[in-house]
Amino acid sequence: MTGPASHFVRSFVGIQRLLPAARDSNSRWQVGRTVIDLALKRGIFADGSEELTPVTSDVPPLIPLAPVACFLLIKPSRWEQLSLATVNAYAAAPQVVRLVNH
């Protein structure tokens, strides 16, 4: 293949793959498998790069990913609690929405 289409970049956000793994399976095994696939860059992670937490030789990018992975490995059924907490932390407050809409 030649031209612009041959120069695509495959990327992913690991946390966004861990949440559906927990939601869809409610299984520690499936969450663990997703963590392993992510760490080994296999399966859907093959030939891709992490956007949010690119792990190179530094530890800081693991800071958001590791607690999420551990939380979901311990109790996959709490994926929704984690997801809602994240949305609530970053969503615009109703006052901001009203200000922007006026």
N, C-alpha and C. Protein backbone atom coordinates (compact mmCIF):
# COMPACT_ATOMS: atom_id res chain seq x y z
N MET A 1 0.85 -1.18 0.00
CA MET A 1 0.00 0.00 0.00
C MET A 1 0.89 1.23 0.00
N THR A 2 0.55 2.20 -0.80
CA THR A 2 1.34 3.43 -0.85
C THR A 2 0.43 4.61 -0.60
N GLY A 3 1.03 5.76 -0.40
CA GLY A 3 0.26 6.97 -0.18
C GLY A 3 -0.05 7.20 1.29
N PRO A 4 -0.88 8.20 1.59
CA PRO A 4 -1.16 8.58 2.98
C PRO A 4 -1.79 7.46 3.80
N ALA A 5 -2.59 6.60 3.20
CA ALA A 5 -3.25 5.55 3.96
C ALA A 5 -2.27 4.55 4.54
N SER A 6 -1.07 4.46 3.97
CA SER A 6 -0.10 3.49 4.45
C SER A 6 0.65 3.98 5.69
N HIS A 7 0.40 5.22 6.11
CA HIS A 7 1.12 5.79 7.24
C HIS A 7 0.19 6.05 8.42
N PHE A 8 -0.59 5.06 8.78
CA PHE A 8 -1.48 5.23 9.91
C PHE A 8 -0.76 4.86 11.20
N VAL A 9 -1.27 5.39 12.30
CA VAL A 9 -0.73 5.09 13.61
C VAL A 9 -1.83 4.40 14.40
N ARG A 10 -1.50 3.28 14.98
CA ARG A 10 -2.46 2.53 15.78
C ARG A 10 -2.22 2.89 17.24
N SER A 11 -3.24 3.39 17.89
CA SER A 11 -3.07 3.78 19.29
C SER A 11 -4.26 3.27 20.10
N PHE A 12 -4.08 3.30 21.41
CA PHE A 12 -5.12 2.85 22.33
C PHE A 12 -4.92 3.55 23.66
N VAL A 13 -5.95 3.47 24.50
CA VAL A 13 -5.88 3.94 25.87
C VAL A 13 -6.19 2.73 26.74
N GLY A 14 -5.18 2.23 27.43
CA GLY A 14 -5.31 1.00 28.20
C GLY A 14 -6.45 1.02 29.19
N ILE A 15 -6.60 2.12 29.90
CA ILE A 15 -7.67 2.22 30.89
C ILE A 15 -9.03 2.03 30.22
N GLN A 16 -9.18 2.57 29.03
CA GLN A 16 -10.45 2.44 28.31
C GLN A 16 -10.69 1.01 27.82
N ARG A 17 -9.70 0.18 27.81
CA ARG A 17 -9.87 -1.24 27.46
C ARG A 17 -10.10 -2.08 28.71
N LEU A 18 -9.56 -1.65 29.85
CA LEU A 18 -9.76 -2.39 31.09
C LEU A 18 -11.20 -2.31 31.58
N LEU A 19 -11.79 -1.13 31.47
CA LEU A 19 -13.17 -0.97 31.94
C LEU A 19 -14.15 -1.88 31.19
N PRO A 20 -14.13 -1.93 29.85
CA PRO A 20 -15.04 -2.84 29.16
C PRO A 20 -14.72 -4.31 29.43
N ALA A 21 -13.45 -4.63 29.66
CA ALA A 21 -13.11 -6.02 29.99
C ALA A 21 -13.80 -6.43 31.29
N ALA A 22 -13.81 -5.53 32.26
CA ALA A 22 -14.48 -5.80 33.54
C ALA A 22 -16.00 -5.78 33.36
N ARG A 23 -16.50 -4.81 32.63
CA ARG A 23 -17.95 -4.68 32.42
C ARG A 23 -18.52 -5.88 31.69
N ASP A 24 -17.88 -6.26 30.60
CA ASP A 24 -18.43 -7.30 29.74
C ASP A 24 -18.29 -8.71 30.31
N SER A 25 -17.29 -8.92 31.15
CA SER A 25 -17.05 -10.27 31.64
C SER A 25 -17.31 -10.45 33.13
N ASN A 26 -17.18 -9.36 33.90
CA ASN A 26 -17.24 -9.43 35.36
C ASN A 26 -16.29 -10.52 35.87
N SER A 27 -15.14 -10.61 35.23
CA SER A 27 -14.21 -11.70 35.50
C SER A 27 -12.81 -11.17 35.77
N ARG A 28 -12.24 -11.58 36.90
CA ARG A 28 -10.85 -11.22 37.19
C ARG A 28 -9.92 -11.78 36.13
N TRP A 29 -10.24 -12.99 35.67
CA TRP A 29 -9.42 -13.64 34.66
C TRP A 29 -9.36 -12.78 33.40
N GLN A 30 -10.51 -12.28 32.94
CA GLN A 30 -10.53 -11.48 31.71
C GLN A 30 -9.82 -10.15 31.91
N VAL A 31 -10.01 -9.53 33.07
CA VAL A 31 -9.29 -8.28 33.35
C VAL A 31 -7.79 -8.56 33.38
N GLY A 32 -7.39 -9.64 34.03
CA GLY A 32 -5.98 -10.01 34.08
C GLY A 32 -5.41 -10.29 32.70
N ARG A 33 -6.20 -10.96 31.88
CA ARG A 33 -5.74 -11.24 30.51
C ARG A 33 -5.55 -9.94 29.73
N THR A 34 -6.44 -8.99 29.92
CA THR A 34 -6.32 -7.69 29.25
C THR A 34 -5.07 -6.96 29.74
N VAL A 35 -4.80 -7.02 31.04
CA VAL A 35 -3.60 -6.39 31.59
C VAL A 35 -2.35 -7.02 30.97
N ILE A 36 -2.34 -8.34 30.88
CA ILE A 36 -1.18 -9.04 30.31
C ILE A 36 -1.03 -8.70 28.82
N ASP A 37 -2.15 -8.71 28.09
CA ASP A 37 -2.09 -8.35 26.67
C ASP A 37 -1.56 -6.93 26.50
N LEU A 38 -2.00 -6.04 27.35
CA LEU A 38 -1.54 -4.65 27.30
C LEU A 38 -0.04 -4.57 27.58
N ALA A 39 0.40 -5.26 28.63
CA ALA A 39 1.82 -5.22 29.00
C ALA A 39 2.71 -5.84 27.93
N LEU A 40 2.22 -6.91 27.30
CA LEU A 40 3.02 -7.61 26.29
C LEU A 40 2.76 -7.11 24.87
N LYS A 41 1.85 -6.14 24.76
CA LYS A 41 1.48 -5.58 23.45
C LYS A 41 1.08 -6.69 22.47
N ARG A 42 0.14 -7.50 22.91
CA ARG A 42 -0.35 -8.56 22.04
C ARG A 42 -1.86 -8.41 21.88
N GLY A 43 -2.43 -9.17 20.96
CA GLY A 43 -3.86 -9.05 20.69
C GLY A 43 -4.18 -7.69 20.11
N ILE A 44 -5.21 -7.05 20.63
CA ILE A 44 -5.61 -5.74 20.09
C ILE A 44 -4.59 -4.65 20.34
N PHE A 45 -3.63 -4.91 21.23
CA PHE A 45 -2.60 -3.92 21.54
C PHE A 45 -1.35 -4.07 20.67
N ALA A 46 -1.30 -5.13 19.87
CA ALA A 46 -0.12 -5.38 19.04
C ALA A 46 0.10 -4.24 18.06
N ASP A 47 1.32 -3.88 17.88
CA ASP A 47 1.72 -2.84 16.92
C ASP A 47 1.05 -1.49 17.18
N GLY A 48 0.66 -1.24 18.42
CA GLY A 48 0.04 0.03 18.76
C GLY A 48 0.84 0.74 19.85
N SER A 49 0.42 1.94 20.16
CA SER A 49 1.07 2.69 21.24
C SER A 49 0.02 3.28 22.15
N GLU A 50 0.36 3.31 23.41
CA GLU A 50 -0.52 3.85 24.45
C GLU A 50 -0.53 5.37 24.35
N GLU A 51 -1.72 5.95 24.33
CA GLU A 51 -1.84 7.42 24.22
C GLU A 51 -1.75 8.11 25.57
N LEU A 52 -2.52 7.64 26.54
CA LEU A 52 -2.64 8.34 27.82
C LEU A 52 -1.48 8.06 28.76
N THR A 53 -1.06 6.82 28.84
CA THR A 53 -0.01 6.43 29.77
C THR A 53 1.09 5.67 29.05
N PRO A 54 1.84 6.36 28.16
CA PRO A 54 2.89 5.66 27.41
C PRO A 54 4.02 5.21 28.34
N VAL A 55 4.17 3.92 28.47
CA VAL A 55 5.19 3.38 29.35
C VAL A 55 6.46 3.17 28.55
N THR A 56 7.48 3.90 28.94
CA THR A 56 8.79 3.72 28.31
C THR A 56 9.71 3.20 29.41
N SER A 57 10.68 3.96 29.77
CA SER A 57 11.55 3.54 30.87
C SER A 57 11.19 4.27 32.17
N ASP A 58 10.18 5.12 32.12
CA ASP A 58 9.78 5.89 33.29
C ASP A 58 8.62 5.21 34.02
N VAL A 59 8.55 5.40 35.31
CA VAL A 59 7.49 4.85 36.13
C VAL A 59 6.24 5.74 36.15
N PRO A 60 6.35 7.08 36.11
CA PRO A 60 5.16 7.92 36.25
C PRO A 60 3.97 7.57 35.35
N PRO A 61 4.16 7.15 34.10
CA PRO A 61 2.98 6.80 33.31
C PRO A 61 2.18 5.63 33.87
N LEU A 62 2.80 4.81 34.71
CA LEU A 62 2.08 3.69 35.32
C LEU A 62 1.16 4.14 36.45
N ILE A 63 1.37 5.34 36.96
CA ILE A 63 0.62 5.80 38.13
C ILE A 63 -0.90 5.76 37.91
N PRO A 64 -1.45 6.24 36.80
CA PRO A 64 -2.90 6.12 36.64
C PRO A 64 -3.35 4.70 36.25
N LEU A 65 -2.55 4.00 35.51
CA LEU A 65 -2.94 2.69 34.99
C LEU A 65 -2.91 1.60 36.05
N ALA A 66 -1.87 1.56 36.85
CA ALA A 66 -1.70 0.50 37.85
C ALA A 66 -2.84 0.43 38.87
N PRO A 67 -3.25 1.54 39.48
CA PRO A 67 -4.35 1.45 40.45
C PRO A 67 -5.67 1.01 39.80
N VAL A 68 -5.92 1.46 38.58
CA VAL A 68 -7.14 1.05 37.88
C VAL A 68 -7.11 -0.46 37.64
N ALA A 69 -5.99 -0.96 37.16
CA ALA A 69 -5.85 -2.39 36.91
C ALA A 69 -6.03 -3.18 38.20
N CYS A 70 -5.40 -2.75 39.28
CA CYS A 70 -5.53 -3.44 40.57
C CYS A 70 -6.96 -3.41 41.08
N PHE A 71 -7.59 -2.26 41.01
CA PHE A 71 -8.97 -2.10 41.47
C PHE A 71 -9.88 -3.07 40.73
N LEU A 72 -9.73 -3.15 39.41
CA LEU A 72 -10.58 -4.02 38.60
C LEU A 72 -10.23 -5.50 38.76
N LEU A 73 -8.97 -5.80 39.03
CA LEU A 73 -8.59 -7.18 39.30
C LEU A 73 -9.19 -7.68 40.61
N ILE A 74 -9.26 -6.80 41.58
CA ILE A 74 -9.82 -7.18 42.88
C ILE A 74 -11.33 -7.34 42.80
N LYS A 75 -12.00 -6.42 42.14
CA LYS A 75 -13.47 -6.43 42.10
C LYS A 75 -13.95 -5.90 40.75
N PRO A 76 -13.96 -6.75 39.71
CA PRO A 76 -14.38 -6.30 38.37
C PRO A 76 -15.77 -5.69 38.34
N SER A 77 -16.65 -6.13 39.21
CA SER A 77 -18.02 -5.62 39.20
C SER A 77 -18.12 -4.15 39.60
N ARG A 78 -17.03 -3.58 40.08
CA ARG A 78 -17.06 -2.16 40.48
C ARG A 78 -16.58 -1.24 39.37
N TRP A 79 -16.55 -1.74 38.14
CA TRP A 79 -16.12 -0.93 37.00
C TRP A 79 -16.95 0.33 36.87
N GLU A 80 -18.27 0.21 37.11
CA GLU A 80 -19.15 1.37 36.94
C GLU A 80 -18.85 2.45 37.99
N GLN A 81 -18.57 2.03 39.20
CA GLN A 81 -18.22 2.99 40.25
C GLN A 81 -16.97 3.78 39.84
N LEU A 82 -16.00 3.08 39.33
CA LEU A 82 -14.76 3.74 38.88
C LEU A 82 -15.03 4.68 37.71
N SER A 83 -15.82 4.22 36.77
CA SER A 83 -16.14 5.03 35.61
C SER A 83 -16.90 6.29 35.99
N LEU A 84 -17.91 6.15 36.84
CA LEU A 84 -18.70 7.31 37.27
C LEU A 84 -17.86 8.30 38.07
N ALA A 85 -16.98 7.78 38.91
CA ALA A 85 -16.12 8.67 39.70
C ALA A 85 -15.23 9.51 38.78
N THR A 86 -14.75 8.90 37.72
CA THR A 86 -13.90 9.62 36.77
C THR A 86 -14.69 10.68 36.04
N VAL A 87 -15.86 10.32 35.56
CA VAL A 87 -16.70 11.29 34.85
C VAL A 87 -17.07 12.44 35.77
N ASN A 88 -17.47 12.13 36.99
CA ASN A 88 -17.86 13.18 37.93
C ASN A 88 -16.69 14.11 38.27
N ALA A 89 -15.49 13.57 38.28
CA ALA A 89 -14.31 14.39 38.60
C ALA A 89 -13.97 15.37 37.48
N TYR A 90 -14.27 15.00 36.24
CA TYR A 90 -13.85 15.82 35.10
C TYR A 90 -14.99 16.51 34.35
N ALA A 91 -16.22 16.15 34.64
CA ALA A 91 -17.36 16.74 33.94
C ALA A 91 -17.53 18.20 34.36
N ALA A 92 -18.02 18.99 33.44
CA ALA A 92 -18.29 20.40 33.74
C ALA A 92 -19.46 20.49 34.72
N ALA A 93 -19.31 21.35 35.68
CA ALA A 93 -20.38 21.58 36.66
C ALA A 93 -21.58 22.22 35.94
N PRO A 94 -22.78 22.01 36.47
CA PRO A 94 -23.97 22.61 35.85
C PRO A 94 -23.85 24.12 35.65
N GLN A 95 -23.18 24.81 36.57
CA GLN A 95 -23.01 26.26 36.45
C GLN A 95 -22.18 26.59 35.20
N VAL A 96 -21.18 25.79 34.89
CA VAL A 96 -20.35 26.02 33.71
C VAL A 96 -21.18 25.80 32.45
N VAL A 97 -21.97 24.76 32.44
CA VAL A 97 -22.81 24.48 31.27
C VAL A 97 -23.78 25.64 31.02
N ARG A 98 -24.39 26.15 32.10
CA ARG A 98 -25.32 27.28 31.94
C ARG A 98 -24.58 28.52 31.41
N LEU A 99 -23.39 28.78 31.93
CA LEU A 99 -22.60 29.93 31.51
C LEU A 99 -22.25 29.81 30.01
N VAL A 100 -21.85 28.64 29.56
CA VAL A 100 -21.46 28.44 28.18
C VAL A 100 -22.67 28.55 27.26
N ASN A 101 -23.81 28.09 27.70
CA ASN A 101 -25.02 28.10 26.87
C ASN A 101 -25.68 29.48 26.79
N HIS A 102 -25.25 30.41 27.61
CA HIS A 102 -25.87 31.76 27.56
C HIS A 102 -25.03 32.72 26.82
